[in-house]
Amino acid sequence: MADVRIIEPRLRSWYWFKLDADAVAYNSARAAINQATPTGIAQRIKLIAATTLLVIVASVSDNFREKTGNNDGMRVALAQMTVNGKDEFEAWCMAEVQSKIAFVEAELGVKSPFLATEHCMTLMRHAIKNKYAVLNYQDFQPGDTIIWEHGETDSGHTGIFIKWIVFGKIMLVSEGNTTAGLGPNGTIVREGGGGYIVQRAVGKIGDMNLRGAARPFPLAA
């Protein structure tokens, strides 16, 4: 089916395992879920809770590596299965974002307007057309999905914005399929194919051009 993402049960359990390893994260996640689930709760509160839970999950579910450095390994495959049920050794940065969104959707019973795709630039175009894009980097908020474009190609990279380290200049981003998280001065913060929380400078990084962000659970105007 088109435009469908499903959190694989083993990955859902893995996210809860990571949350449970951090008492603050676990309690915050449970609080977000409890806040969002009472009968008759306003949809606006549900969306706020969804963004909160997404940021919590993104903040703790890092530090795993590919098996051989070829877009492989069980943890990577579970993310790759989110959109189409297949793991085909494809680039998986967007699949990792989609898996976290699917987790939040499943836990809270909400639906994100995000297109179910593994392609970054396709997602960005859909976000612009459907008005859940954030084009001014100064408007980035925790939970936003940052989109970079590689050079003048139609390929991109993505991750979930966690917070500003220096407002408007340096941000903390939870990314999958990351091979080199670069600090603002170009030094490698982490390297190796996997999922990490990295520092990213606003602007051009190598051949990556910052194109904006997409907001997974936007509030209605």
N, C-alpha and C. Protein backbone atom coordinates (compact mmCIF):
# COMPACT_ATOMS: atom_id res chain seq x y z
N MET A 1 0.85 -1.20 0.00
CA MET A 1 0.00 0.00 0.00
C MET A 1 0.88 1.25 0.00
N ALA A 2 0.43 2.29 -0.68
CA ALA A 2 1.18 3.53 -0.72
C ALA A 2 0.98 4.32 0.57
N ASP A 3 1.96 5.10 0.90
CA ASP A 3 1.89 6.01 2.03
C ASP A 3 1.55 5.31 3.34
N VAL A 4 2.21 4.18 3.59
CA VAL A 4 2.00 3.43 4.83
C VAL A 4 3.34 3.13 5.47
N ARG A 5 3.44 3.38 6.75
CA ARG A 5 4.63 2.96 7.50
C ARG A 5 4.15 2.18 8.72
N ILE A 6 4.85 1.13 9.04
CA ILE A 6 4.48 0.27 10.16
C ILE A 6 5.73 0.00 10.99
N ILE A 7 5.64 0.19 12.29
CA ILE A 7 6.79 -0.09 13.16
C ILE A 7 6.90 -1.60 13.36
N GLU A 8 8.01 -2.16 12.99
CA GLU A 8 8.25 -3.59 13.14
C GLU A 8 8.27 -3.92 14.64
N PRO A 9 7.54 -4.95 15.09
CA PRO A 9 7.44 -5.23 16.53
C PRO A 9 8.78 -5.34 17.25
N ARG A 10 9.78 -5.94 16.61
CA ARG A 10 11.09 -6.05 17.27
C ARG A 10 11.73 -4.67 17.43
N LEU A 11 11.50 -3.78 16.48
CA LEU A 11 12.06 -2.44 16.60
C LEU A 11 11.31 -1.63 17.66
N ARG A 12 10.01 -1.82 17.72
CA ARG A 12 9.22 -1.17 18.77
C ARG A 12 9.73 -1.59 20.14
N SER A 13 10.01 -2.86 20.32
CA SER A 13 10.55 -3.36 21.59
C SER A 13 11.94 -2.81 21.85
N TRP A 14 12.72 -2.67 20.79
CA TRP A 14 14.08 -2.14 20.95
C TRP A 14 14.05 -0.70 21.41
N TYR A 15 13.13 0.09 20.84
CA TYR A 15 13.00 1.48 21.28
C TYR A 15 12.63 1.54 22.75
N TRP A 16 11.71 0.69 23.18
CA TRP A 16 11.33 0.70 24.59
C TRP A 16 12.49 0.25 25.47
N PHE A 17 13.29 -0.69 24.99
CA PHE A 17 14.47 -1.12 25.73
C PHE A 17 15.42 0.04 25.94
N LYS A 18 15.65 0.83 24.87
CA LYS A 18 16.54 1.98 24.99
C LYS A 18 15.97 3.04 25.93
N LEU A 19 14.67 3.26 25.86
CA LEU A 19 14.03 4.21 26.76
C LEU A 19 14.15 3.74 28.21
N ASP A 20 13.92 2.46 28.42
CA ASP A 20 13.93 1.91 29.78
C ASP A 20 15.31 1.98 30.41
N ALA A 21 16.35 2.06 29.58
CA ALA A 21 17.72 2.16 30.10
C ALA A 21 17.99 3.53 30.70
N ASP A 22 17.13 4.47 30.44
CA ASP A 22 17.27 5.83 30.96
C ASP A 22 15.98 6.18 31.69
N ALA A 23 16.04 6.24 33.01
CA ALA A 23 14.83 6.44 33.81
C ALA A 23 14.11 7.73 33.44
N VAL A 24 14.87 8.79 33.19
CA VAL A 24 14.25 10.06 32.83
C VAL A 24 13.52 9.94 31.50
N ALA A 25 14.18 9.32 30.51
CA ALA A 25 13.56 9.15 29.20
C ALA A 25 12.32 8.27 29.30
N TYR A 26 12.41 7.19 30.07
CA TYR A 26 11.28 6.28 30.23
C TYR A 26 10.09 6.98 30.87
N ASN A 27 10.33 7.69 31.95
CA ASN A 27 9.25 8.38 32.64
C ASN A 27 8.65 9.49 31.77
N SER A 28 9.51 10.17 31.00
CA SER A 28 9.02 11.23 30.11
C SER A 28 8.17 10.63 28.99
N ALA A 29 8.61 9.48 28.47
CA ALA A 29 7.85 8.83 27.40
C ALA A 29 6.48 8.39 27.91
N ARG A 30 6.45 7.79 29.08
CA ARG A 30 5.18 7.34 29.66
C ARG A 30 4.27 8.52 29.96
N ALA A 31 4.85 9.63 30.42
CA ALA A 31 4.06 10.82 30.70
C ALA A 31 3.43 11.37 29.42
N ALA A 32 4.21 11.37 28.33
CA ALA A 32 3.68 11.85 27.05
C ALA A 32 2.53 10.98 26.58
N ILE A 33 2.68 9.66 26.73
CA ILE A 33 1.64 8.73 26.31
C ILE A 33 0.39 8.90 27.17
N ASN A 34 0.58 8.98 28.48
CA ASN A 34 -0.57 9.13 29.38
C ASN A 34 -1.31 10.44 29.14
N GLN A 35 -0.56 11.48 28.84
CA GLN A 35 -1.17 12.78 28.57
C GLN A 35 -2.01 12.74 27.32
N ALA A 36 -1.60 11.94 26.36
CA ALA A 36 -2.25 11.96 25.05
C ALA A 36 -3.42 11.00 24.93
N THR A 37 -3.58 10.08 25.85
CA THR A 37 -4.55 9.00 25.65
C THR A 37 -5.88 9.12 26.36
N PRO A 38 -6.11 10.01 27.34
CA PRO A 38 -7.43 10.06 27.97
C PRO A 38 -8.54 10.33 26.96
N THR A 39 -9.68 9.72 27.19
CA THR A 39 -10.81 9.88 26.29
C THR A 39 -11.20 11.35 26.17
N GLY A 40 -11.39 11.78 24.94
CA GLY A 40 -11.84 13.14 24.70
C GLY A 40 -10.75 14.19 24.73
N ILE A 41 -9.49 13.77 24.84
CA ILE A 41 -8.41 14.76 24.90
C ILE A 41 -8.34 15.52 23.58
N ALA A 42 -7.97 16.76 23.64
CA ALA A 42 -7.89 17.59 22.44
C ALA A 42 -6.80 17.08 21.51
N GLN A 43 -7.05 17.13 20.20
CA GLN A 43 -6.08 16.69 19.22
C GLN A 43 -4.80 17.49 19.33
N ARG A 44 -4.90 18.75 19.67
CA ARG A 44 -3.72 19.60 19.79
C ARG A 44 -2.79 19.06 20.87
N ILE A 45 -3.34 18.61 21.98
CA ILE A 45 -2.53 18.04 23.06
C ILE A 45 -1.88 16.75 22.59
N LYS A 46 -2.59 15.96 21.83
CA LYS A 46 -2.01 14.72 21.30
C LYS A 46 -0.81 15.01 20.41
N LEU A 47 -0.91 16.04 19.59
CA LEU A 47 0.19 16.37 18.68
C LEU A 47 1.39 16.90 19.46
N ILE A 48 1.15 17.66 20.49
CA ILE A 48 2.25 18.13 21.34
C ILE A 48 2.93 16.93 22.01
N ALA A 49 2.14 15.99 22.50
CA ALA A 49 2.69 14.79 23.13
C ALA A 49 3.46 13.96 22.10
N ALA A 50 2.97 13.91 20.86
CA ALA A 50 3.64 13.14 19.81
C ALA A 50 5.02 13.72 19.52
N THR A 51 5.11 15.03 19.42
CA THR A 51 6.41 15.67 19.19
C THR A 51 7.34 15.42 20.36
N THR A 52 6.81 15.51 21.56
CA THR A 52 7.61 15.26 22.77
C THR A 52 8.17 13.84 22.77
N LEU A 53 7.32 12.87 22.47
CA LEU A 53 7.76 11.47 22.45
C LEU A 53 8.79 11.23 21.35
N LEU A 54 8.59 11.86 20.19
CA LEU A 54 9.55 11.70 19.09
C LEU A 54 10.93 12.20 19.49
N VAL A 55 11.00 13.35 20.14
CA VAL A 55 12.28 13.90 20.57
C VAL A 55 12.93 12.99 21.61
N ILE A 56 12.14 12.46 22.53
CA ILE A 56 12.68 11.56 23.55
C ILE A 56 13.29 10.32 22.91
N VAL A 57 12.56 9.71 21.97
CA VAL A 57 13.05 8.51 21.30
C VAL A 57 14.32 8.83 20.50
N ALA A 58 14.31 9.96 19.80
CA ALA A 58 15.48 10.35 19.01
C ALA A 58 16.70 10.60 19.89
N SER A 59 16.47 11.03 21.12
CA SER A 59 17.56 11.40 22.01
C SER A 59 18.26 10.19 22.64
N VAL A 60 17.59 9.04 22.66
CA VAL A 60 18.20 7.89 23.33
C VAL A 60 18.51 6.72 22.40
N SER A 61 17.97 6.72 21.19
CA SER A 61 18.09 5.52 20.35
C SER A 61 19.27 5.62 19.38
N ASP A 62 20.41 6.06 19.88
CA ASP A 62 21.59 6.18 19.01
C ASP A 62 22.61 5.10 19.37
N ASN A 63 23.80 5.22 18.79
CA ASN A 63 24.94 4.35 19.10
C ASN A 63 24.73 2.89 18.73
N PHE A 64 24.32 2.65 17.50
CA PHE A 64 24.35 1.30 16.94
C PHE A 64 25.04 1.39 15.59
N ARG A 65 25.64 0.29 15.18
CA ARG A 65 26.44 0.30 13.96
C ARG A 65 25.92 -0.73 12.96
N GLU A 66 26.19 -0.44 11.70
CA GLU A 66 25.92 -1.42 10.67
C GLU A 66 26.78 -2.66 10.91
N LYS A 67 26.35 -3.78 10.36
CA LYS A 67 27.09 -5.02 10.58
C LYS A 67 28.42 -5.02 9.86
N THR A 68 28.40 -4.65 8.57
CA THR A 68 29.64 -4.68 7.79
C THR A 68 29.93 -3.36 7.09
N GLY A 69 29.14 -2.33 7.37
CA GLY A 69 29.33 -1.05 6.69
C GLY A 69 28.69 -0.98 5.33
N ASN A 70 27.75 -1.87 5.06
CA ASN A 70 27.08 -1.92 3.76
C ASN A 70 25.56 -1.81 3.92
N ASN A 71 25.11 -0.88 4.73
CA ASN A 71 23.68 -0.69 4.97
C ASN A 71 23.01 -1.98 5.44
N ASP A 72 23.68 -2.67 6.36
CA ASP A 72 23.19 -3.98 6.77
C ASP A 72 23.20 -4.14 8.29
N GLY A 73 22.75 -5.30 8.73
CA GLY A 73 22.64 -5.60 10.14
C GLY A 73 21.20 -5.60 10.58
N MET A 74 20.87 -6.35 11.63
CA MET A 74 19.47 -6.51 12.04
C MET A 74 18.83 -5.19 12.40
N ARG A 75 19.53 -4.36 13.18
CA ARG A 75 18.93 -3.09 13.62
C ARG A 75 18.65 -2.18 12.42
N VAL A 76 19.55 -2.16 11.46
CA VAL A 76 19.36 -1.36 10.25
C VAL A 76 18.19 -1.92 9.44
N ALA A 77 18.15 -3.23 9.29
CA ALA A 77 17.08 -3.86 8.51
C ALA A 77 15.71 -3.57 9.10
N LEU A 78 15.60 -3.53 10.41
CA LEU A 78 14.32 -3.24 11.04
C LEU A 78 13.82 -1.85 10.66
N ALA A 79 14.73 -0.89 10.60
CA ALA A 79 14.35 0.46 10.17
C ALA A 79 13.97 0.47 8.69
N GLN A 80 14.75 -0.25 7.87
CA GLN A 80 14.49 -0.28 6.44
C GLN A 80 13.11 -0.87 6.11
N MET A 81 12.59 -1.69 7.00
CA MET A 81 11.31 -2.35 6.76
C MET A 81 10.11 -1.46 7.08
N THR A 82 10.34 -0.28 7.64
CA THR A 82 9.24 0.56 8.10
C THR A 82 8.30 0.97 6.97
N VAL A 83 8.85 1.37 5.83
CA VAL A 83 8.01 1.92 4.76
C VAL A 83 7.42 0.84 3.86
N ASN A 84 8.23 -0.09 3.40
CA ASN A 84 7.71 -1.06 2.42
C ASN A 84 7.85 -2.51 2.86
N GLY A 85 8.27 -2.74 4.09
CA GLY A 85 8.39 -4.10 4.59
C GLY A 85 9.60 -4.85 4.08
N LYS A 86 10.52 -4.15 3.39
CA LYS A 86 11.68 -4.81 2.80
C LYS A 86 12.97 -4.17 3.29
N ASP A 87 13.99 -5.00 3.50
CA ASP A 87 15.35 -4.51 3.73
C ASP A 87 16.20 -4.95 2.55
N GLU A 88 16.64 -3.97 1.78
CA GLU A 88 17.32 -4.25 0.52
C GLU A 88 18.68 -3.56 0.45
N PHE A 89 19.32 -3.39 1.60
CA PHE A 89 20.65 -2.78 1.69
C PHE A 89 20.66 -1.35 1.13
N GLU A 90 19.48 -0.70 1.20
CA GLU A 90 19.39 0.66 0.71
C GLU A 90 19.86 1.67 1.76
N ALA A 91 20.20 2.88 1.30
CA ALA A 91 20.51 3.95 2.24
C ALA A 91 19.32 4.12 3.18
N TRP A 92 19.59 4.35 4.47
CA TRP A 92 18.50 4.22 5.43
C TRP A 92 18.35 5.38 6.42
N CYS A 93 18.92 6.54 6.09
CA CYS A 93 18.76 7.67 7.03
C CYS A 93 17.29 8.06 7.17
N MET A 94 16.55 8.13 6.06
CA MET A 94 15.13 8.47 6.14
C MET A 94 14.32 7.32 6.72
N ALA A 95 14.72 6.09 6.46
CA ALA A 95 14.02 4.95 7.04
C ALA A 95 14.09 5.00 8.56
N GLU A 96 15.23 5.44 9.10
CA GLU A 96 15.37 5.54 10.55
C GLU A 96 14.42 6.60 11.10
N VAL A 97 14.32 7.74 10.42
CA VAL A 97 13.36 8.77 10.84
C VAL A 97 11.93 8.22 10.76
N GLN A 98 11.62 7.56 9.66
CA GLN A 98 10.27 7.01 9.48
C GLN A 98 9.93 6.00 10.58
N SER A 99 10.94 5.23 11.02
CA SER A 99 10.67 4.22 12.05
C SER A 99 10.31 4.89 13.37
N LYS A 100 10.96 6.00 13.69
CA LYS A 100 10.66 6.71 14.93
C LYS A 100 9.27 7.35 14.87
N ILE A 101 8.92 7.89 13.70
CA ILE A 101 7.58 8.45 13.52
C ILE A 101 6.53 7.34 13.65
N ALA A 102 6.81 6.19 13.04
CA ALA A 102 5.87 5.06 13.13
C ALA A 102 5.70 4.59 14.57
N PHE A 103 6.79 4.62 15.33
CA PHE A 103 6.72 4.24 16.75
C PHE A 103 5.78 5.18 17.50
N VAL A 104 5.94 6.47 17.28
CA VAL A 104 5.09 7.45 17.95
C VAL A 104 3.63 7.30 17.52
N GLU A 105 3.41 7.09 16.23
CA GLU A 105 2.05 6.89 15.73
C GLU A 105 1.40 5.69 16.42
N ALA A 106 2.15 4.60 16.55
CA ALA A 106 1.61 3.39 17.15
C ALA A 106 1.33 3.57 18.64
N GLU A 107 2.21 4.27 19.34
CA GLU A 107 2.05 4.43 20.78
C GLU A 107 0.92 5.39 21.14
N LEU A 108 0.71 6.42 20.32
CA LEU A 108 -0.26 7.46 20.67
C LEU A 108 -1.53 7.43 19.83
N GLY A 109 -1.54 6.63 18.77
CA GLY A 109 -2.73 6.59 17.94
C GLY A 109 -2.94 7.86 17.13
N VAL A 110 -1.83 8.48 16.72
CA VAL A 110 -1.90 9.68 15.89
C VAL A 110 -1.35 9.36 14.51
N LYS A 111 -1.57 10.28 13.56
CA LYS A 111 -1.10 10.09 12.19
C LYS A 111 -0.31 11.31 11.77
N SER A 112 0.92 11.08 11.32
CA SER A 112 1.75 12.16 10.80
C SER A 112 1.43 12.39 9.33
N PRO A 113 1.50 13.65 8.86
CA PRO A 113 1.30 13.91 7.43
C PRO A 113 2.49 13.52 6.57
N PHE A 114 3.58 13.06 7.21
CA PHE A 114 4.79 12.67 6.47
C PHE A 114 4.46 11.65 5.39
N LEU A 115 4.97 11.90 4.20
CA LEU A 115 4.90 10.91 3.14
C LEU A 115 5.73 9.70 3.55
N ALA A 116 5.21 8.50 3.34
CA ALA A 116 5.96 7.28 3.65
C ALA A 116 6.92 7.01 2.52
N THR A 117 8.14 7.53 2.64
CA THR A 117 9.15 7.38 1.60
C THR A 117 10.52 7.27 2.26
N GLU A 118 11.46 6.66 1.56
CA GLU A 118 12.83 6.59 2.05
C GLU A 118 13.71 7.61 1.33
N HIS A 119 13.11 8.46 0.52
CA HIS A 119 13.86 9.41 -0.29
C HIS A 119 13.72 10.82 0.28
N CYS A 120 14.84 11.41 0.67
CA CYS A 120 14.82 12.68 1.40
C CYS A 120 14.22 13.82 0.60
N MET A 121 14.64 13.99 -0.64
CA MET A 121 14.18 15.13 -1.41
C MET A 121 12.72 14.98 -1.82
N THR A 122 12.27 13.75 -2.02
CA THR A 122 10.85 13.52 -2.28
C THR A 122 10.03 13.96 -1.08
N LEU A 123 10.52 13.61 0.11
CA LEU A 123 9.83 14.02 1.33
C LEU A 123 9.79 15.53 1.46
N MET A 124 10.91 16.21 1.15
CA MET A 124 10.96 17.66 1.27
C MET A 124 9.98 18.32 0.32
N ARG A 125 9.90 17.84 -0.90
CA ARG A 125 8.96 18.41 -1.86
C ARG A 125 7.51 18.21 -1.39
N HIS A 126 7.24 17.04 -0.84
CA HIS A 126 5.89 16.76 -0.33
C HIS A 126 5.57 17.67 0.85
N ALA A 127 6.56 17.92 1.70
CA ALA A 127 6.35 18.78 2.86
C ALA A 127 6.05 20.21 2.43
N ILE A 128 6.77 20.69 1.43
CA ILE A 128 6.52 22.05 0.94
C ILE A 128 5.11 22.14 0.34
N LYS A 129 4.76 21.17 -0.49
CA LYS A 129 3.46 21.19 -1.15
C LYS A 129 2.33 21.10 -0.15
N ASN A 130 2.52 20.32 0.92
CA ASN A 130 1.45 20.07 1.88
C ASN A 130 1.58 20.89 3.17
N LYS A 131 2.49 21.87 3.14
CA LYS A 131 2.57 22.90 4.18
C LYS A 131 2.97 22.37 5.57
N TYR A 132 3.88 21.40 5.60
CA TYR A 132 4.48 21.03 6.88
C TYR A 132 6.01 21.17 6.82
N ALA A 133 6.47 21.97 5.85
CA ALA A 133 7.89 22.26 5.74
C ALA A 133 8.26 23.45 6.61
N VAL A 134 9.52 23.47 7.04
CA VAL A 134 10.08 24.60 7.79
C VAL A 134 11.30 25.05 7.01
N LEU A 135 11.21 26.16 6.32
CA LEU A 135 12.26 26.58 5.40
C LEU A 135 13.26 27.54 6.04
N ASN A 136 12.88 28.20 7.11
CA ASN A 136 13.79 29.10 7.82
C ASN A 136 14.43 28.34 8.97
N TYR A 137 15.74 28.15 8.94
CA TYR A 137 16.40 27.35 9.97
C TYR A 137 16.22 27.93 11.36
N GLN A 138 15.97 29.22 11.47
CA GLN A 138 15.77 29.82 12.79
C GLN A 138 14.45 29.38 13.41
N ASP A 139 13.59 28.77 12.61
CA ASP A 139 12.31 28.26 13.10
C ASP A 139 12.36 26.78 13.45
N PHE A 140 13.53 26.14 13.30
CA PHE A 140 13.63 24.72 13.63
C PHE A 140 13.25 24.50 15.10
N GLN A 141 12.48 23.43 15.33
CA GLN A 141 12.06 23.06 16.67
C GLN A 141 12.41 21.59 16.93
N PRO A 142 12.59 21.20 18.20
CA PRO A 142 12.85 19.79 18.50
C PRO A 142 11.80 18.90 17.85
N GLY A 143 12.27 17.84 17.21
CA GLY A 143 11.40 16.92 16.50
C GLY A 143 11.35 17.13 15.01
N ASP A 144 11.75 18.31 14.54
CA ASP A 144 11.76 18.56 13.09
C ASP A 144 12.76 17.64 12.40
N THR A 145 12.43 17.23 11.19
CA THR A 145 13.31 16.39 10.39
C THR A 145 14.11 17.27 9.45
N ILE A 146 15.41 17.38 9.71
CA ILE A 146 16.29 18.22 8.92
C ILE A 146 16.60 17.53 7.58
N ILE A 147 16.60 18.30 6.51
CA ILE A 147 16.87 17.76 5.18
C ILE A 147 18.08 18.47 4.57
N TRP A 148 19.07 17.69 4.18
CA TRP A 148 20.19 18.19 3.39
C TRP A 148 20.12 17.59 1.99
N GLU A 149 20.62 18.35 1.01
CA GLU A 149 20.74 17.86 -0.36
C GLU A 149 22.21 17.71 -0.71
N HIS A 150 22.57 16.59 -1.31
CA HIS A 150 23.96 16.37 -1.71
C HIS A 150 24.23 17.09 -3.03
N GLY A 151 25.00 18.16 -2.94
CA GLY A 151 25.39 18.90 -4.14
C GLY A 151 24.19 19.35 -4.95
N GLU A 152 24.26 19.13 -6.25
CA GLU A 152 23.16 19.49 -7.15
C GLU A 152 22.38 18.25 -7.57
N THR A 153 22.46 17.19 -6.77
CA THR A 153 21.78 15.95 -7.10
C THR A 153 20.39 15.93 -6.48
N ASP A 154 19.69 14.82 -6.65
CA ASP A 154 18.39 14.64 -6.01
C ASP A 154 18.52 13.70 -4.82
N SER A 155 19.75 13.50 -4.35
CA SER A 155 20.00 12.67 -3.18
C SER A 155 20.14 13.56 -1.95
N GLY A 156 19.82 13.02 -0.80
CA GLY A 156 19.89 13.82 0.40
C GLY A 156 20.25 13.04 1.63
N HIS A 157 20.22 13.71 2.75
CA HIS A 157 20.48 13.11 4.06
C HIS A 157 19.54 13.76 5.05
N THR A 158 19.27 13.07 6.16
CA THR A 158 18.29 13.58 7.11
C THR A 158 18.58 13.12 8.53
N GLY A 159 17.95 13.77 9.47
CA GLY A 159 18.04 13.41 10.87
C GLY A 159 17.02 14.23 11.65
N ILE A 160 16.81 13.88 12.90
CA ILE A 160 15.83 14.55 13.74
C ILE A 160 16.51 15.59 14.62
N PHE A 161 16.07 16.83 14.50
CA PHE A 161 16.60 17.94 15.29
C PHE A 161 16.23 17.74 16.75
N ILE A 162 17.25 17.78 17.63
CA ILE A 162 17.01 17.62 19.06
C ILE A 162 17.01 18.97 19.77
N LYS A 163 18.06 19.77 19.51
CA LYS A 163 18.11 21.09 20.14
C LYS A 163 19.22 21.92 19.51
N TRP A 164 19.18 23.20 19.77
CA TRP A 164 20.28 24.08 19.41
C TRP A 164 21.38 23.97 20.46
N ILE A 165 22.62 23.88 20.02
CA ILE A 165 23.76 24.02 20.91
C ILE A 165 24.14 25.49 20.97
N VAL A 166 24.22 26.10 19.80
CA VAL A 166 24.35 27.55 19.67
C VAL A 166 23.25 27.97 18.72
N PHE A 167 22.30 28.77 19.20
CA PHE A 167 21.13 29.08 18.39
C PHE A 167 21.52 29.65 17.03
N GLY A 168 20.94 29.04 16.01
CA GLY A 168 21.15 29.50 14.65
C GLY A 168 22.47 29.11 14.03
N LYS A 169 23.32 28.42 14.79
CA LYS A 169 24.65 28.09 14.28
C LYS A 169 24.99 26.60 14.39
N ILE A 170 24.77 26.01 15.54
CA ILE A 170 25.17 24.62 15.77
C ILE A 170 23.98 23.86 16.36
N MET A 171 23.64 22.74 15.76
CA MET A 171 22.50 21.97 16.23
C MET A 171 22.90 20.54 16.55
N LEU A 172 22.12 19.91 17.42
CA LEU A 172 22.30 18.52 17.76
C LEU A 172 21.23 17.73 17.03
N VAL A 173 21.66 16.71 16.27
CA VAL A 173 20.75 15.98 15.39
C VAL A 173 20.94 14.48 15.57
N SER A 174 19.84 13.76 15.67
CA SER A 174 19.87 12.30 15.75
C SER A 174 19.74 11.75 14.33
N GLU A 175 20.77 11.02 13.88
CA GLU A 175 20.82 10.57 12.48
C GLU A 175 21.09 9.07 12.37
N GLY A 176 20.54 8.50 11.33
CA GLY A 176 20.90 7.15 10.93
C GLY A 176 21.72 7.21 9.66
N ASN A 177 22.40 6.12 9.34
CA ASN A 177 23.23 6.04 8.13
C ASN A 177 24.28 7.15 8.10
N THR A 178 24.81 7.44 9.28
CA THR A 178 25.81 8.50 9.41
C THR A 178 27.20 7.89 9.35
N THR A 179 28.06 8.46 8.52
CA THR A 179 29.43 7.98 8.43
C THR A 179 30.43 8.95 9.03
N ALA A 180 30.03 10.21 9.19
CA ALA A 180 30.94 11.18 9.81
C ALA A 180 30.15 12.36 10.33
N GLY A 181 29.92 12.38 11.63
CA GLY A 181 29.26 13.54 12.22
C GLY A 181 30.30 14.62 12.44
N LEU A 182 30.12 15.77 11.80
CA LEU A 182 31.13 16.82 11.85
C LEU A 182 30.74 17.92 12.82
N GLY A 183 31.69 18.34 13.62
CA GLY A 183 31.50 19.49 14.48
C GLY A 183 31.58 20.76 13.66
N PRO A 184 31.33 21.90 14.27
CA PRO A 184 31.30 23.16 13.53
C PRO A 184 32.63 23.54 12.89
N ASN A 185 33.72 23.00 13.43
CA ASN A 185 35.03 23.30 12.83
C ASN A 185 35.50 22.21 11.89
N GLY A 186 34.61 21.28 11.56
CA GLY A 186 34.93 20.24 10.61
C GLY A 186 35.51 18.98 11.21
N THR A 187 35.78 18.97 12.52
CA THR A 187 36.34 17.77 13.15
C THR A 187 35.28 16.69 13.25
N ILE A 188 35.71 15.44 13.22
CA ILE A 188 34.78 14.32 13.29
C ILE A 188 34.36 14.09 14.73
N VAL A 189 33.06 14.17 14.96
CA VAL A 189 32.52 13.90 16.28
C VAL A 189 32.37 12.39 16.47
N ARG A 190 31.79 11.74 15.47
CA ARG A 190 31.68 10.28 15.48
C ARG A 190 31.83 9.82 14.04
N GLU A 191 32.32 8.62 13.88
CA GLU A 191 32.38 8.09 12.51
C GLU A 191 32.08 6.60 12.54
N GLY A 192 31.69 6.07 11.41
CA GLY A 192 31.30 4.68 11.31
C GLY A 192 29.83 4.59 10.94
N GLY A 193 29.48 3.72 10.02
CA GLY A 193 28.10 3.61 9.57
C GLY A 193 27.19 3.15 10.69
N GLY A 194 26.26 3.98 11.10
CA GLY A 194 25.36 3.61 12.17
C GLY A 194 24.43 4.74 12.53
N GLY A 195 23.87 4.65 13.72
CA GLY A 195 22.97 5.68 14.22
C GLY A 195 23.63 6.42 15.36
N TYR A 196 23.75 7.73 15.23
CA TYR A 196 24.44 8.54 16.23
C TYR A 196 23.73 9.87 16.42
N ILE A 197 24.02 10.50 17.54
CA ILE A 197 23.63 11.88 17.77
C ILE A 197 24.86 12.72 17.51
N VAL A 198 24.75 13.66 16.58
CA VAL A 198 25.91 14.40 16.12
C VAL A 198 25.65 15.91 16.14
N GLN A 199 26.74 16.65 16.15
CA GLN A 199 26.66 18.10 16.00
C GLN A 199 26.70 18.44 14.51
N ARG A 200 25.86 19.37 14.12
CA ARG A 200 25.85 19.83 12.74
C ARG A 200 25.84 21.36 12.72
N ALA A 201 26.71 21.91 11.92
CA ALA A 201 26.71 23.37 11.73
C ALA A 201 25.66 23.73 10.68
N VAL A 202 25.00 24.84 10.89
CA VAL A 202 24.06 25.35 9.90
C VAL A 202 24.85 25.84 8.68
N GLY A 203 24.36 25.52 7.50
CA GLY A 203 25.05 25.92 6.28
C GLY A 203 25.56 24.70 5.54
N LYS A 204 26.49 24.90 4.67
CA LYS A 204 27.02 23.83 3.83
C LYS A 204 28.03 23.00 4.62
N ILE A 205 27.87 21.67 4.60
CA ILE A 205 28.80 20.75 5.25
C ILE A 205 29.30 19.78 4.19
N GLY A 206 30.54 19.92 3.78
CA GLY A 206 31.02 19.10 2.67
C GLY A 206 30.20 19.43 1.43
N ASP A 207 29.56 18.39 0.85
CA ASP A 207 28.69 18.65 -0.29
C ASP A 207 27.22 18.71 0.11
N MET A 208 26.95 18.74 1.43
CA MET A 208 25.57 18.75 1.89
C MET A 208 25.07 20.18 2.06
N ASN A 209 23.99 20.51 1.35
CA ASN A 209 23.36 21.82 1.44
C ASN A 209 22.09 21.72 2.27
N LEU A 210 21.97 22.54 3.29
CA LEU A 210 20.79 22.54 4.14
C LEU A 210 19.60 23.11 3.37
N ARG A 211 18.54 22.30 3.23
CA ARG A 211 17.37 22.74 2.47
C ARG A 211 16.19 23.11 3.36
N GLY A 212 16.24 22.76 4.62
CA GLY A 212 15.14 23.07 5.51
C GLY A 212 14.79 21.86 6.35
N ALA A 213 13.54 21.79 6.76
CA ALA A 213 13.09 20.70 7.59
C ALA A 213 11.63 20.41 7.31
N ALA A 214 11.18 19.25 7.78
CA ALA A 214 9.77 18.90 7.72
C ALA A 214 9.31 18.60 9.15
N ARG A 215 8.12 19.02 9.49
CA ARG A 215 7.62 18.87 10.87
C ARG A 215 6.68 17.68 10.93
N PRO A 216 7.05 16.62 11.65
CA PRO A 216 6.27 15.38 11.65
C PRO A 216 4.85 15.52 12.22
N PHE A 217 4.69 16.34 13.27
CA PHE A 217 3.39 16.48 13.92
C PHE A 217 3.04 17.96 14.08
N PRO A 218 2.78 18.64 12.97
CA PRO A 218 2.49 20.08 13.03
C PRO A 218 1.16 20.36 13.71
N LEU A 219 1.12 21.46 14.43
CA LEU A 219 -0.13 21.88 15.05
C LEU A 219 -0.98 22.63 14.03
N ALA A 220 -2.26 22.42 14.09
CA ALA A 220 -3.15 23.15 13.20
C ALA A 220 -3.12 24.63 13.56
N ALA A 221 -3.23 25.46 12.54
CA ALA A 221 -3.22 26.91 12.78
C ALA A 221 -4.44 27.34 13.58
